C-alpha atoms as a PDB file:
ATOM      1  CA  MET A   1      68.809 107.888  94.620  1.00  0.00           C
ATOM      2  CA  ALA A   2      69.213 110.168  97.571  1.00  0.00           C
ATOM      3  CA  ASP A   3      71.427 107.696  99.329  1.00  0.00           C
ATOM      4  CA  THR A   4      73.712 107.433  96.251  1.00  0.00           C
ATOM      5  CA  VAL A   5      74.073 111.260  96.054  1.00  0.00           C
ATOM      6  CA  ASP A   6      74.636 111.418  99.819  1.00  0.00           C
ATOM      7  CA  GLY A   7      77.412 108.777  99.539  1.00  0.00           C
ATOM      8  CA  LEU A   8      79.027 110.523  96.608  1.00  0.00           C
ATOM      9  CA  LEU A   9      79.032 113.929  98.479  1.00  0.00           C
ATOM     10  CA  ARG A  10      80.538 112.404 101.554  1.00  0.00           C
ATOM     11  CA  GLY A  11      83.210 110.733  99.468  1.00  0.00           C
ATOM     12  CA  VAL A  12      84.077 113.963  97.717  1.00  0.00           C
ATOM     13  CA  GLY A  13      84.079 115.778 101.030  1.00  0.00           C
ATOM     14  CA  LEU A  14      86.444 113.238 102.553  1.00  0.00           C
ATOM     15  CA  VAL A  15      88.874 113.423  99.647  1.00  0.00           C
ATOM     16  CA  LEU A  16      88.863 117.280  99.731  1.00  0.00           C
ATOM     17  CA  PHE A  17      89.402 117.215 103.559  1.00  0.00           C
ATOM     18  CA  GLY A  18      92.351 114.833 103.053  1.00  0.00           C
ATOM     19  CA  ALA A  19      93.880 116.975 100.356  1.00  0.00           C
ATOM     20  CA  ALA A  20      93.444 120.129 102.425  1.00  0.00           C
ATOM     21  CA  LEU A  21      94.976 118.566 105.529  1.00  0.00           C
ATOM     22  CA  THR A  22      97.899 117.220 103.483  1.00  0.00           C
ATOM     23  CA  TRP A  23      98.595 120.570 102.082  1.00  0.00           C
ATOM     24  CA  LEU A  24      98.421 122.208 105.459  1.00  0.00           C
ATOM     25  CA  LEU A  25     100.762 119.763 107.024  1.00  0.00           C
ATOM     26  CA  THR A  26     103.195 120.067 104.095  1.00  0.00           C
ATOM     27  CA  VAL A  27     103.318 123.829 104.359  1.00  0.00           C
ATOM     28  CA  VAL A  28     103.611 123.938 108.139  1.00  0.00           C
ATOM     29  CA  LEU A  29     106.234 121.238 108.409  1.00  0.00           C
ATOM     30  CA  GLY A  30     108.163 122.554 105.446  1.00  0.00           C
ATOM     31  CA  ARG A  31     108.570 125.918 107.080  1.00  0.00           C
ATOM     32  CA  VAL A  32     109.553 124.459 110.394  1.00  0.00           C
ATOM     33  CA  VAL A  33     112.071 122.110 108.908  1.00  0.00           C
ATOM     34  CA  THR A  34     113.718 124.754 106.689  1.00  0.00           C
ATOM     35  CA  ARG A  35     114.077 127.347 109.550  1.00  0.00           C
ATOM     36  CA  ARG A  36     115.607 125.017 112.102  1.00  0.00           C
ATOM     37  CA  GLY A  37     118.194 123.433 109.886  1.00  0.00           C
ATOM     38  CA  PHE A  38     116.540 120.043 110.448  1.00  0.00           C
ATOM     39  CA  ALA A  39     116.463 119.398 106.745  1.00  0.00           C
ATOM     40  CA  PHE A  40     120.289 118.955 106.571  1.00  0.00           C
ATOM     41  CA  TRP A  41     120.195 116.620 109.515  1.00  0.00           C
ATOM     42  CA  VAL A  42     117.616 114.377 107.841  1.00  0.00           C
ATOM     43  CA  TRP A  43     119.505 114.605 104.430  1.00  0.00           C
ATOM     44  CA  ASP A  44     122.731 113.445 106.062  1.00  0.00           C
ATOM     45  CA  ARG A  45     121.019 110.544 107.684  1.00  0.00           C
ATOM     46  CA  SER A  46     118.473 109.693 104.918  1.00  0.00           C
ATOM     47  CA  GLY A  47     119.947 106.223 104.184  1.00  0.00           C
ATOM     48  CA  ALA A  48     119.718 105.043 107.745  1.00  0.00           C
ATOM     49  CA  ILE A  49     116.239 106.525 108.199  1.00  0.00           C
ATOM     50  CA  GLY A  50     115.097 104.869 104.977  1.00  0.00           C
ATOM     51  CA  ARG A  51     116.392 101.475 106.045  1.00  0.00           C
ATOM     52  CA  VAL A  52     114.564 101.801 109.285  1.00  0.00           C
ATOM     53  CA  LEU A  53     111.302 102.790 107.500  1.00  0.00           C
ATOM     54  CA  VAL A  54     111.628  99.929 105.006  1.00  0.00           C
ATOM     55  CA  ILE A  55     112.109  97.370 107.841  1.00  0.00           C
ATOM     56  CA  ALA A  56     109.190  98.919 109.900  1.00  0.00           C
ATOM     57  CA  GLY A  57     106.969  99.056 106.804  1.00  0.00           C
ATOM     58  CA  PHE A  58     107.733  95.394 105.864  1.00  0.00           C
ATOM     59  CA  GLY A  59     107.002  94.279 109.384  1.00  0.00           C
ATOM     60  CA  MET A  60     103.745  96.115 109.504  1.00  0.00           C
ATOM     61  CA  ALA A  61     102.667  94.839 106.156  1.00  0.00           C
ATOM     62  CA  ALA A  62     103.499  91.244 107.354  1.00  0.00           C
ATOM     63  CA  VAL A  63     101.421  91.586 110.445  1.00  0.00           C
ATOM     64  CA  GLY A  64      98.656  93.106 108.345  1.00  0.00           C
ATOM     65  CA  ILE A  65      98.740  90.144 105.906  1.00  0.00           C
ATOM     66  CA  THR A  66      98.322  87.766 108.818  1.00  0.00           C
ATOM     67  CA  GLN A  67      95.294  89.637 110.062  1.00  0.00           C
ATOM     68  CA  LEU A  68      93.458  89.790 106.635  1.00  0.00           C
ATOM     69  CA  GLY A  69      90.113  88.021 106.469  1.00  0.00           C
ATOM     70  CA  GLY A  70      89.149  88.964 110.027  1.00  0.00           C
ATOM     71  CA  ALA A  71      86.064  90.892 110.980  1.00  0.00           C
ATOM     72  CA  GLY A  72      87.777  94.244 111.362  1.00  0.00           C
ATOM     73  CA  ALA A  73      89.711  96.450 108.942  1.00  0.00           C
ATOM     74  CA  THR A  74      92.921  96.297 111.087  1.00  0.00           C
ATOM     75  CA  GLY A  75      94.764  94.012 108.722  1.00  0.00           C
ATOM     76  CA  THR A  76      94.047  96.160 105.696  1.00  0.00           C
ATOM     77  CA  SER A  77      95.105  99.299 107.590  1.00  0.00           C
ATOM     78  CA  LEU A  78      98.318  97.761 108.689  1.00  0.00           C
ATOM     79  CA  LEU A  79      99.015  96.525 105.192  1.00  0.00           C
ATOM     80  CA  LEU A  80      98.412  99.858 103.594  1.00  0.00           C
ATOM     81  CA  PHE A  81     100.373 101.821 106.264  1.00  0.00           C
ATOM     82  CA  GLY A  82     103.225  99.351 106.024  1.00  0.00           C
ATOM     83  CA  ALA A  83     103.390  99.682 102.274  1.00  0.00           C
ATOM     84  CA  LEU A  84     103.369 103.524 102.522  1.00  0.00           C
ATOM     85  CA  LEU A  85     106.211 103.399 105.141  1.00  0.00           C
ATOM     86  CA  GLY A  86     108.191 101.039 102.896  1.00  0.00           C
ATOM     87  CA  MET A  87     107.739 103.340  99.883  1.00  0.00           C
ATOM     88  CA  ALA A  88     108.909 106.349 101.886  1.00  0.00           C
ATOM     89  CA  GLY A  89     111.912 104.385 103.079  1.00  0.00           C
ATOM     90  CA  ILE A  90     112.818 103.379  99.552  1.00  0.00           C
ATOM     91  CA  TRP A  91     112.413 106.989  98.480  1.00  0.00           C
ATOM     92  CA  LEU A  92     114.893 108.134 101.185  1.00  0.00           C
ATOM     93  CA  ILE A  93     117.425 105.473 100.182  1.00  0.00           C
ATOM     94  CA  LEU A  94     117.481 106.362  96.493  1.00  0.00           C
ATOM     95  CA  PRO A  95     120.250 108.667  95.397  1.00  0.00           C
ATOM     96  CA  GLY A  96     119.481 112.326  94.922  1.00  0.00           C
ATOM     97  CA  PRO A  97     119.642 114.204  91.625  1.00  0.00           C
END
């Protein structure tokens, strides 16, 4: 019973840490980007950046698929990170409101 509670608390702590770190990075990077005019540069080139991210994500996911079933978690990590990069790239390619 104690091991189950310990595992649950570790999981909750990890999720809270991830959420807090994501919030902190979002706030800090958002302020830096808006003050430097970098947002307009990215917005003007979002289609090209999105295509690069989709290609990189697809490549990473393909490499991750070939490494699945091994002893380590490298294949799974590459597959997940590649999928996230691909989704970010698709989001940048899509037209704005």
